[in-house]
Amino acid sequence: MKNVFLLIVTLFITSTYAQKTVIGKWKSIDDETGKALAIVEIYEENNKIYGRVIEILNPKNKNRTCESCPGEDKDKPILGLTVIKGLKKDGKEYNGGKILDPKHGKFYKCYINLESDDKLKVRGYIGISLFGRTQYWHRVK
């Protein structure tokens, strides 16, 4: 009985701690329409944060490519595309990287931070953070 209790407590602590991170799957929400666009998997690689599109929610857009994207991303399928690149942890925020808007084919400076365990603030901007857009993404369980 003691072992069962210890196992339950350990699982609870582990699951609670796991939710305190940006790493995971997030449903991106368009800030202009309020519609869910895609599922983005945020992951860590070489101490930096990246995010790739793992699911497109609108069936009409599943096979779209990034026609307007610059460089190596040009004409790549949006499904599988890395849209968040090279963010570094800075206190409670991740910044210093960039985010790709596949709709317009442009990169923007970016920062992200957890508003709550299941809500992620994603801000893309030009120059200073004042000139940009914010989306709120929701964790996929």
C-alpha atoms as a PDB file:
ATOM      1  CA  MET A   1       0.000   0.000   0.000  1.00  0.00           C
ATOM      2  CA  LYS A   2       2.867   2.337   0.840  1.00  0.00           C
ATOM      3  CA  ASN A   3       4.449   1.696  -2.586  1.00  0.00           C
ATOM      4  CA  VAL A   4       1.172   2.447  -4.393  1.00  0.00           C
ATOM      5  CA  PHE A   5       0.826   5.746  -2.517  1.00  0.00           C
ATOM      6  CA  LEU A   6       4.439   6.659  -3.324  1.00  0.00           C
ATOM      7  CA  LEU A   7       3.886   5.838  -6.999  1.00  0.00           C
ATOM      8  CA  ILE A   8       0.758   8.022  -7.160  1.00  0.00           C
ATOM      9  CA  VAL A   9       2.551  10.952  -5.513  1.00  0.00           C
ATOM     10  CA  THR A  10       5.524  10.573  -7.874  1.00  0.00           C
ATOM     11  CA  LEU A  11       3.266  10.500 -10.954  1.00  0.00           C
ATOM     12  CA  PHE A  12       1.371  13.558  -9.727  1.00  0.00           C
ATOM     13  CA  ILE A  13       4.558  15.549  -9.126  1.00  0.00           C
ATOM     14  CA  THR A  14       5.994  14.496 -12.490  1.00  0.00           C
ATOM     15  CA  SER A  15       2.836  15.424 -14.413  1.00  0.00           C
ATOM     16  CA  THR A  16       2.560  18.763 -12.595  1.00  0.00           C
ATOM     17  CA  TYR A  17       6.196  19.624 -13.343  1.00  0.00           C
ATOM     18  CA  ALA A  18       5.848  18.565 -16.999  1.00  0.00           C
ATOM     19  CA  GLN A  19       3.113  21.153 -17.585  1.00  0.00           C
ATOM     20  CA  LYS A  20       5.381  24.050 -16.486  1.00  0.00           C
ATOM     21  CA  THR A  21       7.258  24.087 -19.770  1.00  0.00           C
ATOM     22  CA  VAL A  22       6.713  25.416 -23.282  1.00  0.00           C
ATOM     23  CA  ILE A  23       7.797  22.057 -24.676  1.00  0.00           C
ATOM     24  CA  GLY A  24       4.866  20.099 -26.027  1.00  0.00           C
ATOM     25  CA  LYS A  25       2.080  20.308 -28.587  1.00  0.00           C
ATOM     26  CA  TRP A  26       0.171  23.558 -29.019  1.00  0.00           C
ATOM     27  CA  LYS A  27      -2.901  24.521 -31.023  1.00  0.00           C
ATOM     28  CA  SER A  28      -2.128  27.783 -32.818  1.00  0.00           C
ATOM     29  CA  ILE A  29      -5.004  30.256 -32.949  1.00  0.00           C
ATOM     30  CA  ASP A  30      -5.191  33.020 -35.570  1.00  0.00           C
ATOM     31  CA  ASP A  31      -5.250  36.355 -33.739  1.00  0.00           C
ATOM     32  CA  GLU A  32      -7.390  37.962 -36.454  1.00  0.00           C
ATOM     33  CA  THR A  33     -10.070  35.277 -36.963  1.00  0.00           C
ATOM     34  CA  GLY A  34      -9.892  33.348 -33.687  1.00  0.00           C
ATOM     35  CA  LYS A  35      -9.819  30.089 -35.660  1.00  0.00           C
ATOM     36  CA  ALA A  36      -7.520  27.190 -34.840  1.00  0.00           C
ATOM     37  CA  LEU A  37      -4.914  26.807 -37.604  1.00  0.00           C
ATOM     38  CA  ALA A  38      -2.492  24.038 -36.770  1.00  0.00           C
ATOM     39  CA  ILE A  39      -0.814  21.953 -34.110  1.00  0.00           C
ATOM     40  CA  VAL A  40       2.773  23.038 -33.491  1.00  0.00           C
ATOM     41  CA  GLU A  41       5.171  20.830 -31.588  1.00  0.00           C
ATOM     42  CA  ILE A  42       7.630  22.885 -29.556  1.00  0.00           C
ATOM     43  CA  TYR A  43      10.847  21.077 -28.723  1.00  0.00           C
ATOM     44  CA  GLU A  44      14.350  21.739 -27.443  1.00  0.00           C
ATOM     45  CA  GLU A  45      17.485  21.097 -29.455  1.00  0.00           C
ATOM     46  CA  ASN A  46      20.996  22.208 -28.446  1.00  0.00           C
ATOM     47  CA  ASN A  47      19.561  24.346 -25.610  1.00  0.00           C
ATOM     48  CA  LYS A  48      17.327  26.291 -28.010  1.00  0.00           C
ATOM     49  CA  ILE A  49      13.592  26.123 -28.606  1.00  0.00           C
ATOM     50  CA  TYR A  50      12.069  25.260 -31.993  1.00  0.00           C
ATOM     51  CA  GLY A  51       8.553  24.623 -33.197  1.00  0.00           C
ATOM     52  CA  ARG A  52       7.371  22.631 -36.193  1.00  0.00           C
ATOM     53  CA  VAL A  53       3.931  22.211 -37.712  1.00  0.00           C
ATOM     54  CA  ILE A  54       2.792  18.635 -37.098  1.00  0.00           C
ATOM     55  CA  GLU A  55      -0.852  18.972 -38.096  1.00  0.00           C
ATOM     56  CA  ILE A  56      -2.888  21.373 -40.221  1.00  0.00           C
ATOM     57  CA  LEU A  57      -6.459  21.606 -38.976  1.00  0.00           C
ATOM     58  CA  ASN A  58      -8.220  22.895 -42.119  1.00  0.00           C
ATOM     59  CA  PRO A  59      -8.417  19.982 -44.606  1.00  0.00           C
ATOM     60  CA  LYS A  60      -8.238  22.446 -47.544  1.00  0.00           C
ATOM     61  CA  ASN A  61      -4.774  23.573 -46.409  1.00  0.00           C
ATOM     62  CA  LYS A  62      -3.202  20.180 -45.643  1.00  0.00           C
ATOM     63  CA  ASN A  63      -1.118  20.109 -48.835  1.00  0.00           C
ATOM     64  CA  ARG A  64      -0.206  23.801 -49.002  1.00  0.00           C
ATOM     65  CA  THR A  65       3.382  24.807 -49.534  1.00  0.00           C
ATOM     66  CA  CYS A  66       5.151  27.923 -48.347  1.00  0.00           C
ATOM     67  CA  GLU A  67       5.272  29.658 -51.726  1.00  0.00           C
ATOM     68  CA  SER A  68       6.299  33.066 -50.347  1.00  0.00           C
ATOM     69  CA  CYS A  69       8.828  31.788 -47.821  1.00  0.00           C
ATOM     70  CA  PRO A  70      12.446  32.901 -48.163  1.00  0.00           C
ATOM     71  CA  GLY A  71      15.528  30.731 -48.576  1.00  0.00           C
ATOM     72  CA  GLU A  72      15.486  27.047 -47.730  1.00  0.00           C
ATOM     73  CA  ASP A  73      11.813  27.156 -46.686  1.00  0.00           C
ATOM     74  CA  LYS A  74      10.584  28.297 -50.112  1.00  0.00           C
ATOM     75  CA  ASP A  75       8.037  25.880 -51.617  1.00  0.00           C
ATOM     76  CA  LYS A  76       8.367  23.405 -48.733  1.00  0.00           C
ATOM     77  CA  PRO A  77       5.166  21.826 -47.419  1.00  0.00           C
ATOM     78  CA  ILE A  78       3.831  23.753 -44.432  1.00  0.00           C
ATOM     79  CA  LEU A  79       3.175  20.421 -42.741  1.00  0.00           C
ATOM     80  CA  GLY A  80       6.530  19.607 -41.131  1.00  0.00           C
ATOM     81  CA  LEU A  81       7.894  23.146 -41.509  1.00  0.00           C
ATOM     82  CA  THR A  82       9.905  24.580 -38.617  1.00  0.00           C
ATOM     83  CA  VAL A  83       8.197  27.887 -37.842  1.00  0.00           C
ATOM     84  CA  ILE A  84       9.873  28.785 -34.533  1.00  0.00           C
ATOM     85  CA  LYS A  85      13.651  28.899 -34.665  1.00  0.00           C
ATOM     86  CA  GLY A  86      16.375  29.367 -32.065  1.00  0.00           C
ATOM     87  CA  LEU A  87      14.642  30.826 -29.010  1.00  0.00           C
ATOM     88  CA  LYS A  88      16.673  30.910 -25.784  1.00  0.00           C
ATOM     89  CA  LYS A  89      15.392  30.922 -22.230  1.00  0.00           C
ATOM     90  CA  ASP A  90      15.622  34.356 -20.610  1.00  0.00           C
ATOM     91  CA  GLY A  91      13.976  34.219 -17.181  1.00  0.00           C
ATOM     92  CA  LYS A  92      10.351  33.167 -17.746  1.00  0.00           C
ATOM     93  CA  GLU A  93      10.474  34.147 -21.412  1.00  0.00           C
ATOM     94  CA  TYR A  94      12.047  32.560 -24.489  1.00  0.00           C
ATOM     95  CA  ASN A  95      13.426  35.043 -27.011  1.00  0.00           C
ATOM     96  CA  GLY A  96      16.313  35.820 -29.333  1.00  0.00           C
ATOM     97  CA  GLY A  97      14.974  33.708 -32.182  1.00  0.00           C
ATOM     98  CA  LYS A  98      12.459  34.123 -34.944  1.00  0.00           C
ATOM     99  CA  ILE A  99       9.072  32.952 -36.091  1.00  0.00           C
ATOM    100  CA  LEU A 100       7.926  32.296 -39.641  1.00  0.00           C
ATOM    101  CA  ASP A 101       4.499  33.365 -40.849  1.00  0.00           C
ATOM    102  CA  PRO A 102       3.884  30.836 -43.665  1.00  0.00           C
ATOM    103  CA  LYS A 103       0.822  32.757 -44.827  1.00  0.00           C
ATOM    104  CA  HIS A 104       2.919  35.794 -45.772  1.00  0.00           C
ATOM    105  CA  GLY A 105       6.321  34.121 -46.028  1.00  0.00           C
ATOM    106  CA  LYS A 106       8.012  36.442 -43.547  1.00  0.00           C
ATOM    107  CA  PHE A 107      10.240  35.968 -40.525  1.00  0.00           C
ATOM    108  CA  TYR A 108       9.736  38.075 -37.421  1.00  0.00           C
ATOM    109  CA  LYS A 109      11.582  38.410 -34.161  1.00  0.00           C
ATOM    110  CA  CYS A 110       9.772  36.364 -31.565  1.00  0.00           C
ATOM    111  CA  TYR A 111       9.280  35.724 -27.923  1.00  0.00           C
ATOM    112  CA  ILE A 112       7.072  33.220 -26.141  1.00  0.00           C
ATOM    113  CA  ASN A 113       6.089  32.700 -22.545  1.00  0.00           C
ATOM    114  CA  LEU A 114       3.595  30.658 -20.569  1.00  0.00           C
ATOM    115  CA  GLU A 115       0.550  32.635 -19.491  1.00  0.00           C
ATOM    116  CA  SER A 116      -0.630  29.515 -17.649  1.00  0.00           C
ATOM    117  CA  ASP A 117       0.118  25.788 -17.846  1.00  0.00           C
ATOM    118  CA  ASP A 118      -2.098  25.463 -20.922  1.00  0.00           C
ATOM    119  CA  LYS A 119      -1.861  28.915 -22.537  1.00  0.00           C
ATOM    120  CA  LEU A 120       1.175  30.163 -24.463  1.00  0.00           C
ATOM    121  CA  LYS A 121       1.703  33.777 -25.496  1.00  0.00           C
ATOM    122  CA  VAL A 122       3.439  33.965 -28.878  1.00  0.00           C
ATOM    123  CA  ARG A 123       4.556  37.422 -30.034  1.00  0.00           C
ATOM    124  CA  GLY A 124       6.057  38.157 -33.434  1.00  0.00           C
ATOM    125  CA  TYR A 125       7.367  41.626 -34.134  1.00  0.00           C
ATOM    126  CA  ILE A 126       9.551  43.875 -36.264  1.00  0.00           C
ATOM    127  CA  GLY A 127      12.253  45.926 -34.554  1.00  0.00           C
ATOM    128  CA  ILE A 128      10.846  46.324 -31.056  1.00  0.00           C
ATOM    129  CA  SER A 129       8.113  44.281 -29.432  1.00  0.00           C
ATOM    130  CA  LEU A 130       5.705  47.233 -29.625  1.00  0.00           C
ATOM    131  CA  PHE A 131       5.333  46.701 -33.391  1.00  0.00           C
ATOM    132  CA  GLY A 132       3.919  43.207 -33.752  1.00  0.00           C
ATOM    133  CA  ARG A 133       1.123  40.727 -33.207  1.00  0.00           C
ATOM    134  CA  THR A 134       0.315  38.351 -30.401  1.00  0.00           C
ATOM    135  CA  GLN A 135      -1.340  34.968 -30.599  1.00  0.00           C
ATOM    136  CA  TYR A 136      -2.395  32.778 -27.705  1.00  0.00           C
ATOM    137  CA  TRP A 137      -1.873  29.087 -28.282  1.00  0.00           C
ATOM    138  CA  HIS A 138      -3.476  26.324 -26.226  1.00  0.00           C
ATOM    139  CA  ARG A 139      -1.790  23.135 -25.078  1.00  0.00           C
ATOM    140  CA  VAL A 140      -2.959  19.938 -26.751  1.00  0.00           C
ATOM    141  CA  LYS A 141      -3.378  17.121 -24.247  1.00  0.00           C
END
